[in-house]
PDB file of N, CA and C in Angstrom:
ATOM      1  N   UNK A   1     -48.242  76.092-219.573  1.00  0.00           N
ATOM      2  CA  UNK A   1     -48.761  75.022-218.736  1.00  0.00           C
ATOM      3  C   UNK A   1     -48.222  73.696-219.265  1.00  0.00           C
ATOM      4  N   UNK A   2     -48.057  72.764-218.389  1.00  0.00           N
ATOM      5  CA  UNK A   2     -47.504  71.463-218.753  1.00  0.00           C
ATOM      6  C   UNK A   2     -48.555  70.591-219.422  1.00  0.00           C
ATOM      7  N   UNK A   3     -48.181  69.848-220.473  1.00  0.00           N
ATOM      8  CA  UNK A   3     -49.157  69.035-221.211  1.00  0.00           C
ATOM      9  C   UNK A   3     -49.890  68.034-220.333  1.00  0.00           C
ATOM     10  N   UNK A   4     -49.186  67.434-219.381  1.00  0.00           N
ATOM     11  CA  UNK A   4     -49.849  66.417-218.558  1.00  0.00           C
ATOM     12  C   UNK A   4     -50.850  67.038-217.612  1.00  0.00           C
ATOM     13  N   UNK A   5     -50.641  68.291-217.198  1.00  0.00           N
ATOM     14  CA  UNK A   5     -51.617  68.936-216.326  1.00  0.00           C
ATOM     15  C   UNK A   5     -52.915  69.170-217.090  1.00  0.00           C
ATOM     16  N   UNK A   6     -52.829  69.626-218.316  1.00  0.00           N
ATOM     17  CA  UNK A   6     -54.024  69.848-219.131  1.00  0.00           C
ATOM     18  C   UNK A   6     -54.761  68.543-219.391  1.00  0.00           C
ATOM     19  N   UNK A   7     -54.032  67.451-219.478  1.00  0.00           N
ATOM     20  CA  UNK A   7     -54.673  66.154-219.716  1.00  0.00           C
ATOM     21  C   UNK A   7     -55.526  65.716-218.534  1.00  0.00           C
ATOM     22  N   UNK A   8     -55.124  66.062-217.321  1.00  0.00           N
ATOM     23  CA  UNK A   8     -55.866  65.613-216.138  1.00  0.00           C
ATOM     24  C   UNK A   8     -56.872  66.641-215.636  1.00  0.00           C
ATOM     25  N   UNK A   9     -56.864  67.836-216.181  1.00  0.00           N
ATOM     26  CA  UNK A   9     -57.795  68.886-215.758  1.00  0.00           C
ATOM     27  C   UNK A   9     -59.136  68.680-216.465  1.00  0.00           C
ATOM     28  N   UNK A  10     -59.855  67.631-216.070  1.00  0.00           N
ATOM     29  CA  UNK A  10     -61.036  67.206-216.823  1.00  0.00           C
ATOM     30  C   UNK A  10     -62.197  68.189-216.743  1.00  0.00           C
ATOM     31  N   UNK A  11     -62.254  69.004-215.715  1.00  0.00           N
ATOM     32  CA  UNK A  11     -63.346  69.966-215.589  1.00  0.00           C
ATOM     33  C   UNK A  11     -62.978  71.338-216.142  1.00  0.00           C
ATOM     34  N   UNK A  12     -61.813  71.462-216.710  1.00  0.00           N
ATOM     35  CA  UNK A  12     -61.315  72.732-217.229  1.00  0.00           C
ATOM     36  C   UNK A  12     -61.329  72.671-218.761  1.00  0.00           C
ATOM     37  N   UNK A  13     -62.389  73.216-219.352  1.00  0.00           N
ATOM     38  CA  UNK A  13     -62.564  73.134-220.806  1.00  0.00           C
ATOM     39  C   UNK A  13     -61.405  73.792-221.562  1.00  0.00           C
ATOM     40  N   UNK A  14     -60.939  74.978-221.169  1.00  0.00           N
ATOM     41  CA  UNK A  14     -59.796  75.555-221.887  1.00  0.00           C
ATOM     42  C   UNK A  14     -58.535  74.680-221.799  1.00  0.00           C
ATOM     43  N   UNK A  15     -58.307  74.050-220.653  1.00  0.00           N
ATOM     44  CA  UNK A  15     -57.142  73.167-220.510  1.00  0.00           C
ATOM     45  C   UNK A  15     -57.273  71.963-221.428  1.00  0.00           C
ATOM     46  N   UNK A  16     -58.466  71.415-221.536  1.00  0.00           N
ATOM     47  CA  UNK A  16     -58.682  70.284-222.435  1.00  0.00           C
ATOM     48  C   UNK A  16     -58.487  70.709-223.890  1.00  0.00           C
ATOM     49  N   UNK A  17     -58.963  71.902-224.232  1.00  0.00           N
ATOM     50  CA  UNK A  17     -58.758  72.418-225.595  1.00  0.00           C
ATOM     51  C   UNK A  17     -57.271  72.574-225.893  1.00  0.00           C
ATOM     52  N   UNK A  18     -56.520  73.083-224.914  1.00  0.00           N
ATOM     53  CA  UNK A  18     -55.073  73.220-225.093  1.00  0.00           C
ATOM     54  C   UNK A  18     -54.414  71.859-225.264  1.00  0.00           C
ATOM     55  N   UNK A  19     -54.832  70.884-224.455  1.00  0.00           N
ATOM     56  CA  UNK A  19     -54.226  69.555-224.532  1.00  0.00           C
ATOM     57  C   UNK A  19     -54.454  68.930-225.899  1.00  0.00           C
ATOM     58  N   UNK A  20     -55.651  69.071-226.437  1.00  0.00           N
ATOM     59  CA  UNK A  20     -55.987  68.423-227.706  1.00  0.00           C
ATOM     60  C   UNK A  20     -55.655  69.272-228.933  1.00  0.00           C
ATOM     61  N   UNK A  21     -54.954  70.383-228.741  1.00  0.00           N
ATOM     62  CA  UNK A  21     -54.571  71.217-229.884  1.00  0.00           C
ATOM     63  C   UNK A  21     -53.485  70.524-230.704  1.00  0.00           C
ATOM     64  N   UNK A  22     -53.402  70.885-231.967  1.00  0.00           N
ATOM     65  CA  UNK A  22     -52.378  70.286-232.826  1.00  0.00           C
ATOM     66  C   UNK A  22     -50.973  70.707-232.385  1.00  0.00           C
ATOM     67  N   UNK A  23     -50.847  71.914-231.839  1.00  0.00           N
ATOM     68  CA  UNK A  23     -49.540  72.357-231.340  1.00  0.00           C
ATOM     69  C   UNK A  23     -49.075  71.464-230.194  1.00  0.00           C
ATOM     70  N   UNK A  24     -49.995  71.073-229.327  1.00  0.00           N
ATOM     71  CA  UNK A  24     -49.630  70.189-228.225  1.00  0.00           C
ATOM     72  C   UNK A  24     -49.289  68.791-228.743  1.00  0.00           C
ATOM     73  N   UNK A  25     -49.944  68.352-229.787  1.00  0.00           N
ATOM     74  CA  UNK A  25     -49.602  67.071-230.397  1.00  0.00           C
ATOM     75  C   UNK A  25     -48.165  67.065-230.906  1.00  0.00           C
ATOM     76  N   UNK A  26     -47.761  68.172-231.535  1.00  0.00           N
ATOM     77  CA  UNK A  26     -46.371  68.289-231.997  1.00  0.00           C
ATOM     78  C   UNK A  26     -45.407  68.296-230.814  1.00  0.00           C
ATOM     79  N   UNK A  27     -45.783  69.011-229.745  1.00  0.00           N
ATOM     80  CA  UNK A  27     -44.950  69.048-228.543  1.00  0.00           C
ATOM     81  C   UNK A  27     -44.804  67.654-227.937  1.00  0.00           C
ATOM     82  N   UNK A  28     -45.895  66.916-227.864  1.00  0.00           N
ATOM     83  CA  UNK A  28     -45.834  65.564-227.310  1.00  0.00           C
ATOM     84  C   UNK A  28     -44.948  64.661-228.161  1.00  0.00           C
ATOM     85  N   UNK A  29     -45.036  64.787-229.474  1.00  0.00           N
ATOM     86  CA  UNK A  29     -44.152  64.008-230.355  1.00  0.00           C
ATOM     87  C   UNK A  29     -42.686  64.338-230.089  1.00  0.00           C
ATOM     88  N   UNK A  30     -42.387  65.624-229.924  1.00  0.00           N
ATOM     89  CA  UNK A  30     -41.015  66.033-229.615  1.00  0.00           C
ATOM     90  C   UNK A  30     -40.572  65.481-228.267  1.00  0.00           C
ATOM     91  N   UNK A  31     -41.468  65.531-227.292  1.00  0.00           N
ATOM     92  CA  UNK A  31     -41.130  65.017-225.966  1.00  0.00           C
ATOM     93  C   UNK A  31     -40.855  63.517-225.999  1.00  0.00           C
ATOM     94  N   UNK A  32     -41.631  62.777-226.770  1.00  0.00           N
ATOM     95  CA  UNK A  32     -41.413  61.331-226.880  1.00  0.00           C
ATOM     96  C   UNK A  32     -40.017  61.061-227.448  1.00  0.00           C
ATOM     97  N   UNK A  33     -39.625  61.845-228.447  1.00  0.00           N
ATOM     98  CA  UNK A  33     -38.302  61.642-229.058  1.00  0.00           C
ATOM     99  C   UNK A  33     -37.163  61.975-228.108  1.00  0.00           C
ATOM    100  N   UNK A  34     -37.369  62.960-227.228  1.00  0.00           N
ATOM    101  CA  UNK A  34     -36.277  63.465-226.397  1.00  0.00           C
ATOM    102  C   UNK A  34     -36.309  62.990-224.948  1.00  0.00           C
ATOM    103  N   UNK A  35     -37.345  62.305-224.548  1.00  0.00           N
ATOM    104  CA  UNK A  35     -37.493  61.920-223.140  1.00  0.00           C
ATOM    105  C   UNK A  35     -36.620  60.726-222.784  1.00  0.00           C
ATOM    106  N   UNK A  36     -36.171  60.711-221.544  1.00  0.00           N
ATOM    107  CA  UNK A  36     -35.435  59.542-221.048  1.00  0.00           C
ATOM    108  C   UNK A  36     -36.349  58.339-220.934  1.00  0.00           C
ATOM    109  N   UNK A  37     -37.563  58.586-220.484  1.00  0.00           N
ATOM    110  CA  UNK A  37     -38.546  57.510-220.342  1.00  0.00           C
ATOM    111  C   UNK A  37     -39.675  57.764-221.340  1.00  0.00           C
ATOM    112  N   UNK A  38     -39.350  57.568-222.596  1.00  0.00           N
ATOM    113  CA  UNK A  38     -40.264  57.886-223.690  1.00  0.00           C
ATOM    114  C   UNK A  38     -41.570  57.111-223.599  1.00  0.00           C
ATOM    115  N   UNK A  39     -41.537  55.913-223.024  1.00  0.00           N
ATOM    116  CA  UNK A  39     -42.759  55.114-222.927  1.00  0.00           C
ATOM    117  C   UNK A  39     -43.808  55.799-222.063  1.00  0.00           C
ATOM    118  N   UNK A  40     -43.384  56.544-221.055  1.00  0.00           N
ATOM    119  CA  UNK A  40     -44.340  57.248-220.196  1.00  0.00           C
ATOM    120  C   UNK A  40     -44.962  58.431-220.927  1.00  0.00           C
ATOM    121  N   UNK A  41     -44.145  59.161-221.657  1.00  0.00           N
ATOM    122  CA  UNK A  41     -44.663  60.290-222.432  1.00  0.00           C
ATOM    123  C   UNK A  41     -45.545  59.779-223.565  1.00  0.00           C
ATOM    124  N   UNK A  42     -45.219  58.622-224.095  1.00  0.00           N
ATOM    125  CA  UNK A  42     -46.006  58.036-225.181  1.00  0.00           C
ATOM    126  C   UNK A  42     -47.440  57.758-224.738  1.00  0.00           C
ATOM    127  N   UNK A  43     -47.633  57.510-223.452  1.00  0.00           N
ATOM    128  CA  UNK A  43     -49.002  57.311-222.950  1.00  0.00           C
ATOM    129  C   UNK A  43     -49.830  58.583-223.107  1.00  0.00           C
ATOM    130  N   UNK A  44     -49.224  59.736-222.854  1.00  0.00           N
ATOM    131  CA  UNK A  44     -49.938  61.001-223.076  1.00  0.00           C
ATOM    132  C   UNK A  44     -50.258  61.191-224.550  1.00  0.00           C
ATOM    133  N   UNK A  45     -49.313  60.840-225.397  1.00  0.00           N
ATOM    134  CA  UNK A  45     -49.548  60.949-226.837  1.00  0.00           C
ATOM    135  C   UNK A  45     -50.679  60.024-227.264  1.00  0.00           C
ATOM    136  N   UNK A  46     -50.758  58.858-226.664  1.00  0.00           N
ATOM    137  CA  UNK A  46     -51.847  57.919-226.960  1.00  0.00           C
ATOM    138  C   UNK A  46     -53.193  58.523-226.567  1.00  0.00           C
ATOM    139  N   UNK A  47     -53.257  59.142-225.395  1.00  0.00           N
ATOM    140  CA  UNK A  47     -54.492  59.814-224.966  1.00  0.00           C
ATOM    141  C   UNK A  47     -54.839  60.917-225.947  1.00  0.00           C
ATOM    142  N   UNK A  48     -53.837  61.692-226.350  1.00  0.00           N
ATOM    143  CA  UNK A  48     -54.064  62.792-227.292  1.00  0.00           C
ATOM    144  C   UNK A  48     -54.645  62.264-228.605  1.00  0.00           C
ATOM    145  N   UNK A  49     -54.126  61.139-229.086  1.00  0.00           N
ATOM    146  CA  UNK A  49     -54.599  60.569-230.359  1.00  0.00           C
ATOM    147  C   UNK A  49     -55.994  59.966-230.256  1.00  0.00           C
ATOM    148  N   UNK A  50     -56.402  59.532-229.081  1.00  0.00           N
ATOM    149  CA  UNK A  50     -57.690  58.857-228.915  1.00  0.00           C
ATOM    150  C   UNK A  50     -58.837  59.810-228.621  1.00  0.00           C
ATOM    151  N   UNK A  51     -58.642  61.055-228.799  1.00  0.00           N
ATOM    152  CA  UNK A  51     -59.684  62.032-228.497  1.00  0.00           C
ATOM    153  C   UNK A  51     -60.996  61.654-229.040  1.00  0.00           C
TER     154      UNK A  51
END
């Protein structure tokens, strides 16, 4: 499942657990480094960090 989908699935507890997992945090960091528009992906990383 895509990280951004889990971030917006607010009524889906397993999706939220997946989004806030440490593995997803590592994935988001990798995406920020490799994305063309890193600032947009960085917003997801910010949400992940503010749990």
